[in-house]
Amino acid sequence: MSEYKVGDVVTGKVTGIQAYGAFVALDEHTQGLVHISEITHGFVKDIHDFLELEQEVKVRILDIDSEANKISLSIRATEENNHTTSKKKPTRDDGKEDNGFHTLKEKLQEWIEKADK
């Protein structure tokens, strides 16, 4: 395990799939776990929809626990996140920046005006 460091991106092979994640062999002696939340960006209901046994995958090493001899891996950390929203801030009808949080009192007049139109 000493040849690997947190942050390394390596290629491994899926050796097992469980409901909670996939086991990936990094070499003949080293294996890590990709938790279901680290498979891809977005929701994963069934890992089999994304991975299969013997599939080669690119993974990033998230954590190495030498005492427990465990390595935490991520596939999604090697992928671009296509599920992010636009970085452009939304604006209101009056052109001011809209941070998305308003009290009901602030929004009530706006709603009344829109309903009257």
N, C-alpha and C. Protein backbone atom coordinates (compact mmCIF):
# COMPACT_ATOMS: atom_id res chain seq x y z
N MET A 1 0.81 -1.20 0.00
CA MET A 1 0.00 0.00 0.00
C MET A 1 0.85 1.26 0.00
N SER A 2 2.09 1.15 0.40
CA SER A 2 2.93 2.34 0.52
C SER A 2 3.21 3.03 -0.81
N GLU A 3 3.04 2.31 -1.93
CA GLU A 3 3.29 2.93 -3.23
C GLU A 3 2.17 3.89 -3.62
N TYR A 4 1.02 3.82 -2.96
CA TYR A 4 -0.12 4.68 -3.29
C TYR A 4 -0.21 5.83 -2.30
N LYS A 5 -0.70 6.98 -2.80
CA LYS A 5 -0.88 8.15 -1.95
C LYS A 5 -2.28 8.71 -2.16
N VAL A 6 -2.81 9.35 -1.13
CA VAL A 6 -4.10 10.02 -1.25
C VAL A 6 -4.00 11.05 -2.37
N GLY A 7 -5.00 11.04 -3.25
CA GLY A 7 -5.03 11.96 -4.38
C GLY A 7 -4.57 11.33 -5.68
N ASP A 8 -3.86 10.19 -5.60
CA ASP A 8 -3.42 9.51 -6.82
C ASP A 8 -4.62 9.07 -7.64
N VAL A 9 -4.50 9.15 -8.96
CA VAL A 9 -5.50 8.61 -9.87
C VAL A 9 -4.85 7.41 -10.56
N VAL A 10 -5.49 6.25 -10.39
CA VAL A 10 -4.95 5.00 -10.92
C VAL A 10 -6.05 4.22 -11.62
N THR A 11 -5.65 3.25 -12.41
CA THR A 11 -6.61 2.37 -13.08
C THR A 11 -6.66 1.06 -12.31
N GLY A 12 -7.87 0.58 -12.08
CA GLY A 12 -8.05 -0.69 -11.38
C GLY A 12 -9.11 -1.52 -12.07
N LYS A 13 -9.35 -2.70 -11.51
CA LYS A 13 -10.33 -3.62 -12.10
C LYS A 13 -11.37 -3.98 -11.04
N VAL A 14 -12.65 -3.88 -11.40
CA VAL A 14 -13.75 -4.21 -10.49
C VAL A 14 -13.70 -5.71 -10.20
N THR A 15 -13.58 -6.06 -8.91
CA THR A 15 -13.49 -7.47 -8.52
C THR A 15 -14.72 -7.95 -7.76
N GLY A 16 -15.54 -7.02 -7.31
CA GLY A 16 -16.74 -7.39 -6.58
C GLY A 16 -17.70 -6.23 -6.49
N ILE A 17 -18.99 -6.55 -6.50
CA ILE A 17 -20.02 -5.52 -6.39
C ILE A 17 -20.99 -5.92 -5.29
N GLN A 18 -21.20 -5.00 -4.36
CA GLN A 18 -22.15 -5.18 -3.28
C GLN A 18 -23.15 -4.02 -3.34
N ALA A 19 -24.20 -4.10 -2.56
CA ALA A 19 -25.21 -3.03 -2.55
C ALA A 19 -24.62 -1.70 -2.11
N TYR A 20 -23.58 -1.73 -1.30
CA TYR A 20 -23.00 -0.51 -0.73
C TYR A 20 -21.81 0.03 -1.53
N GLY A 21 -21.30 -0.73 -2.50
CA GLY A 21 -20.15 -0.25 -3.25
C GLY A 21 -19.51 -1.33 -4.08
N ALA A 22 -18.39 -0.97 -4.69
CA ALA A 22 -17.66 -1.90 -5.56
C ALA A 22 -16.22 -2.01 -5.08
N PHE A 23 -15.72 -3.24 -5.10
CA PHE A 23 -14.32 -3.48 -4.76
C PHE A 23 -13.50 -3.40 -6.04
N VAL A 24 -12.38 -2.69 -5.96
CA VAL A 24 -11.53 -2.48 -7.12
C VAL A 24 -10.10 -2.88 -6.77
N ALA A 25 -9.53 -3.79 -7.56
CA ALA A 25 -8.14 -4.19 -7.38
C ALA A 25 -7.24 -3.18 -8.08
N LEU A 26 -6.30 -2.63 -7.32
CA LEU A 26 -5.35 -1.67 -7.90
C LEU A 26 -4.13 -2.38 -8.44
N ASP A 27 -3.79 -3.51 -7.82
CA ASP A 27 -2.72 -4.38 -8.28
C ASP A 27 -2.98 -5.76 -7.68
N GLU A 28 -2.03 -6.68 -7.79
CA GLU A 28 -2.24 -8.05 -7.31
C GLU A 28 -2.46 -8.14 -5.81
N HIS A 29 -1.94 -7.15 -5.06
CA HIS A 29 -1.99 -7.22 -3.60
C HIS A 29 -2.82 -6.12 -2.95
N THR A 30 -3.32 -5.18 -3.74
CA THR A 30 -4.00 -4.02 -3.17
C THR A 30 -5.39 -3.87 -3.75
N GLN A 31 -6.36 -3.75 -2.85
CA GLN A 31 -7.76 -3.59 -3.26
C GLN A 31 -8.37 -2.47 -2.43
N GLY A 32 -9.30 -1.75 -3.03
CA GLY A 32 -9.99 -0.68 -2.32
C GLY A 32 -11.48 -0.75 -2.59
N LEU A 33 -12.22 0.10 -1.89
CA LEU A 33 -13.67 0.14 -2.03
C LEU A 33 -14.11 1.49 -2.57
N VAL A 34 -14.96 1.44 -3.60
CA VAL A 34 -15.64 2.63 -4.09
C VAL A 34 -17.03 2.59 -3.50
N HIS A 35 -17.31 3.45 -2.52
CA HIS A 35 -18.64 3.49 -1.91
C HIS A 35 -19.65 3.90 -2.97
N ILE A 36 -20.89 3.46 -2.82
CA ILE A 36 -21.95 3.76 -3.80
C ILE A 36 -22.07 5.26 -4.07
N SER A 37 -21.81 6.08 -3.07
CA SER A 37 -21.92 7.53 -3.25
C SER A 37 -20.76 8.09 -4.08
N GLU A 38 -19.73 7.28 -4.32
CA GLU A 38 -18.57 7.72 -5.09
C GLU A 38 -18.51 7.10 -6.48
N ILE A 39 -19.59 6.44 -6.90
CA ILE A 39 -19.62 5.81 -8.22
C ILE A 39 -19.69 6.86 -9.33
N THR A 40 -20.63 7.79 -9.19
CA THR A 40 -20.81 8.83 -10.21
C THR A 40 -21.50 10.02 -9.57
N HIS A 41 -21.55 11.13 -10.28
CA HIS A 41 -22.29 12.29 -9.80
C HIS A 41 -23.78 11.99 -9.95
N GLY A 42 -24.56 12.35 -8.98
CA GLY A 42 -25.98 12.06 -9.03
C GLY A 42 -26.30 10.81 -8.22
N PHE A 43 -27.55 10.41 -8.29
CA PHE A 43 -28.06 9.29 -7.49
C PHE A 43 -27.78 7.95 -8.16
N VAL A 44 -27.33 6.99 -7.37
CA VAL A 44 -27.10 5.62 -7.86
C VAL A 44 -28.00 4.69 -7.06
N LYS A 45 -28.96 4.09 -7.73
CA LYS A 45 -29.84 3.13 -7.06
C LYS A 45 -29.24 1.73 -7.12
N ASP A 46 -28.73 1.35 -8.29
CA ASP A 46 -28.16 0.02 -8.48
C ASP A 46 -26.79 0.17 -9.14
N ILE A 47 -25.76 -0.26 -8.44
CA ILE A 47 -24.39 -0.13 -8.94
C ILE A 47 -24.22 -0.87 -10.26
N HIS A 48 -24.97 -1.96 -10.44
CA HIS A 48 -24.87 -2.74 -11.68
C HIS A 48 -25.25 -1.92 -12.92
N ASP A 49 -25.96 -0.81 -12.73
CA ASP A 49 -26.29 0.07 -13.85
C ASP A 49 -25.06 0.83 -14.34
N PHE A 50 -23.99 0.86 -13.52
CA PHE A 50 -22.81 1.65 -13.84
C PHE A 50 -21.54 0.81 -13.99
N LEU A 51 -21.48 -0.32 -13.28
CA LEU A 51 -20.27 -1.13 -13.27
C LEU A 51 -20.58 -2.60 -13.46
N GLU A 52 -19.58 -3.33 -13.95
CA GLU A 52 -19.70 -4.78 -14.04
C GLU A 52 -18.36 -5.40 -13.64
N LEU A 53 -18.38 -6.66 -13.24
CA LEU A 53 -17.17 -7.36 -12.84
C LEU A 53 -16.14 -7.35 -13.96
N GLU A 54 -14.89 -7.22 -13.57
CA GLU A 54 -13.75 -7.22 -14.49
C GLU A 54 -13.61 -5.94 -15.30
N GLN A 55 -14.50 -4.98 -15.10
CA GLN A 55 -14.41 -3.70 -15.81
C GLN A 55 -13.23 -2.90 -15.29
N GLU A 56 -12.47 -2.30 -16.19
CA GLU A 56 -11.39 -1.41 -15.79
C GLU A 56 -11.96 -0.03 -15.54
N VAL A 57 -11.56 0.57 -14.42
CA VAL A 57 -12.06 1.88 -14.05
C VAL A 57 -10.91 2.76 -13.58
N LYS A 58 -11.07 4.05 -13.80
CA LYS A 58 -10.12 5.03 -13.29
C LYS A 58 -10.66 5.51 -11.95
N VAL A 59 -9.83 5.47 -10.89
CA VAL A 59 -10.26 5.86 -9.56
C VAL A 59 -9.25 6.83 -8.94
N ARG A 60 -9.77 7.66 -8.04
CA ARG A 60 -8.91 8.55 -7.24
C ARG A 60 -8.89 7.98 -5.82
N ILE A 61 -7.73 7.96 -5.22
CA ILE A 61 -7.59 7.48 -3.84
C ILE A 61 -8.00 8.61 -2.90
N LEU A 62 -9.06 8.35 -2.12
CA LEU A 62 -9.57 9.35 -1.19
C LEU A 62 -8.94 9.24 0.19
N ASP A 63 -8.69 8.01 0.63
CA ASP A 63 -8.18 7.80 1.98
C ASP A 63 -7.46 6.46 2.05
N ILE A 64 -6.41 6.42 2.84
CA ILE A 64 -5.69 5.18 3.09
C ILE A 64 -5.62 4.99 4.59
N ASP A 65 -6.20 3.90 5.08
CA ASP A 65 -6.16 3.56 6.49
C ASP A 65 -5.21 2.37 6.63
N SER A 66 -3.95 2.67 6.92
CA SER A 66 -2.92 1.64 6.99
C SER A 66 -3.18 0.65 8.11
N GLU A 67 -3.69 1.13 9.24
CA GLU A 67 -3.95 0.24 10.38
C GLU A 67 -5.02 -0.79 10.05
N ALA A 68 -6.10 -0.36 9.39
CA ALA A 68 -7.19 -1.27 9.04
C ALA A 68 -6.96 -1.91 7.67
N ASN A 69 -5.89 -1.48 6.99
CA ASN A 69 -5.55 -1.99 5.66
C ASN A 69 -6.70 -1.78 4.67
N LYS A 70 -7.26 -0.54 4.68
CA LYS A 70 -8.37 -0.20 3.80
C LYS A 70 -8.03 1.03 2.97
N ILE A 71 -8.49 1.02 1.74
CA ILE A 71 -8.32 2.16 0.85
C ILE A 71 -9.70 2.58 0.35
N SER A 72 -10.01 3.86 0.49
CA SER A 72 -11.27 4.41 -0.02
C SER A 72 -11.01 5.03 -1.38
N LEU A 73 -11.84 4.67 -2.35
CA LEU A 73 -11.66 5.11 -3.72
C LEU A 73 -12.88 5.87 -4.22
N SER A 74 -12.68 6.65 -5.29
CA SER A 74 -13.79 7.36 -5.91
C SER A 74 -13.63 7.33 -7.42
N ILE A 75 -14.71 6.96 -8.10
CA ILE A 75 -14.73 7.08 -9.56
C ILE A 75 -15.19 8.48 -9.93
N ARG A 76 -16.20 8.98 -9.21
CA ARG A 76 -16.77 10.28 -9.57
C ARG A 76 -15.76 11.42 -9.42
N ALA A 77 -14.76 11.25 -8.56
CA ALA A 77 -13.74 12.29 -8.38
C ALA A 77 -12.82 12.40 -9.60
N THR A 78 -12.91 11.43 -10.51
CA THR A 78 -12.11 11.47 -11.73
C THR A 78 -12.91 11.99 -12.91
N GLU A 79 -14.21 12.24 -12.69
CA GLU A 79 -15.10 12.67 -13.77
C GLU A 79 -15.50 14.12 -13.58
N GLU A 80 -15.80 14.77 -14.69
CA GLU A 80 -16.32 16.12 -14.63
C GLU A 80 -17.77 16.05 -14.15
N ASN A 81 -18.15 16.94 -13.29
CA ASN A 81 -19.51 16.93 -12.76
C ASN A 81 -20.44 17.63 -13.74
N ASN A 82 -21.23 16.86 -14.46
CA ASN A 82 -22.19 17.43 -15.40
C ASN A 82 -23.52 17.77 -14.74
N HIS A 83 -23.63 17.53 -13.44
CA HIS A 83 -24.89 17.78 -12.74
C HIS A 83 -24.86 19.10 -11.99
N THR A 84 -23.79 19.86 -12.15
CA THR A 84 -23.74 21.14 -11.44
C THR A 84 -24.60 22.15 -12.18
N THR A 85 -25.08 23.10 -11.43
CA THR A 85 -25.89 24.15 -12.04
C THR A 85 -24.97 25.23 -12.57
N SER A 86 -25.51 26.08 -13.37
CA SER A 86 -24.75 27.17 -13.95
C SER A 86 -24.15 28.03 -12.86
N LYS A 87 -22.94 28.52 -13.09
CA LYS A 87 -22.30 29.38 -12.10
C LYS A 87 -22.84 30.81 -12.17
N LYS A 88 -23.59 31.12 -13.24
CA LYS A 88 -24.17 32.44 -13.36
C LYS A 88 -25.31 32.56 -12.35
N LYS A 89 -25.27 33.64 -11.57
CA LYS A 89 -26.29 33.83 -10.55
C LYS A 89 -27.60 34.25 -11.19
N PRO A 90 -28.71 33.68 -10.73
CA PRO A 90 -30.00 34.07 -11.29
C PRO A 90 -30.34 35.51 -10.91
N THR A 91 -31.13 36.14 -11.76
CA THR A 91 -31.55 37.50 -11.46
C THR A 91 -33.07 37.56 -11.38
N ARG A 92 -33.55 38.55 -10.66
CA ARG A 92 -34.99 38.74 -10.52
C ARG A 92 -35.47 39.58 -11.69
N ASP A 93 -36.80 39.79 -11.74
CA ASP A 93 -37.39 40.59 -12.81
C ASP A 93 -36.84 42.01 -12.84
N ASP A 94 -36.44 42.52 -11.67
CA ASP A 94 -35.93 43.89 -11.62
C ASP A 94 -34.44 43.96 -11.91
N GLY A 95 -33.83 42.83 -12.31
CA GLY A 95 -32.42 42.81 -12.69
C GLY A 95 -31.45 42.60 -11.54
N LYS A 96 -31.95 42.64 -10.31
CA LYS A 96 -31.07 42.44 -9.17
C LYS A 96 -30.76 40.96 -9.00
N GLU A 97 -29.60 40.70 -8.39
CA GLU A 97 -29.20 39.30 -8.17
C GLU A 97 -30.17 38.61 -7.23
N ASP A 98 -30.53 37.38 -7.55
CA ASP A 98 -31.47 36.61 -6.75
C ASP A 98 -30.71 35.49 -6.06
N ASN A 99 -30.60 35.58 -4.72
CA ASN A 99 -29.87 34.54 -4.01
C ASN A 99 -30.73 33.32 -3.71
N GLY A 100 -32.02 33.37 -4.07
CA GLY A 100 -32.89 32.21 -3.92
C GLY A 100 -33.60 32.12 -2.58
N PHE A 101 -33.24 32.94 -1.62
CA PHE A 101 -33.85 32.87 -0.31
C PHE A 101 -34.63 34.15 -0.03
N HIS A 102 -35.94 34.00 0.20
CA HIS A 102 -36.80 35.14 0.46
C HIS A 102 -37.82 34.74 1.52
N THR A 103 -38.18 35.69 2.33
CA THR A 103 -39.24 35.42 3.29
C THR A 103 -40.57 35.49 2.55
N LEU A 104 -41.59 34.90 3.11
CA LEU A 104 -42.91 34.96 2.49
C LEU A 104 -43.38 36.40 2.34
N LYS A 105 -43.08 37.22 3.33
CA LYS A 105 -43.47 38.62 3.28
C LYS A 105 -42.86 39.31 2.07
N GLU A 106 -41.57 39.01 1.77
CA GLU A 106 -40.90 39.61 0.62
C GLU A 106 -41.53 39.14 -0.69
N LYS A 107 -41.90 37.88 -0.77
CA LYS A 107 -42.40 37.30 -2.01
C LYS A 107 -43.89 37.57 -2.24
N LEU A 108 -44.66 37.81 -1.18
CA LEU A 108 -46.10 37.94 -1.29
C LEU A 108 -46.50 39.04 -2.28
N GLN A 109 -45.92 40.22 -2.16
CA GLN A 109 -46.27 41.32 -3.06
C GLN A 109 -45.93 40.96 -4.51
N GLU A 110 -44.79 40.32 -4.72
CA GLU A 110 -44.40 39.90 -6.08
C GLU A 110 -45.42 38.92 -6.64
N TRP A 111 -45.87 37.98 -5.84
CA TRP A 111 -46.84 36.98 -6.29
C TRP A 111 -48.20 37.63 -6.63
N ILE A 112 -48.60 38.59 -5.81
CA ILE A 112 -49.86 39.30 -6.04
C ILE A 112 -49.78 40.05 -7.38
N GLU A 113 -48.67 40.72 -7.61
CA GLU A 113 -48.50 41.48 -8.84
C GLU A 113 -48.50 40.55 -10.06
N LYS A 114 -47.85 39.42 -9.96
CA LYS A 114 -47.82 38.47 -11.08
C LYS A 114 -49.21 37.87 -11.32
N ALA A 115 -49.97 37.64 -10.25
CA ALA A 115 -51.32 37.07 -10.40
C ALA A 115 -52.27 38.06 -11.06
N ASP A 116 -52.05 39.36 -10.81
CA ASP A 116 -52.91 40.38 -11.40
C ASP A 116 -52.64 40.59 -12.89
N LYS A 117 -51.49 40.16 -13.37
CA LYS A 117 -51.13 40.40 -14.78
C LYS A 117 -51.86 39.49 -15.72
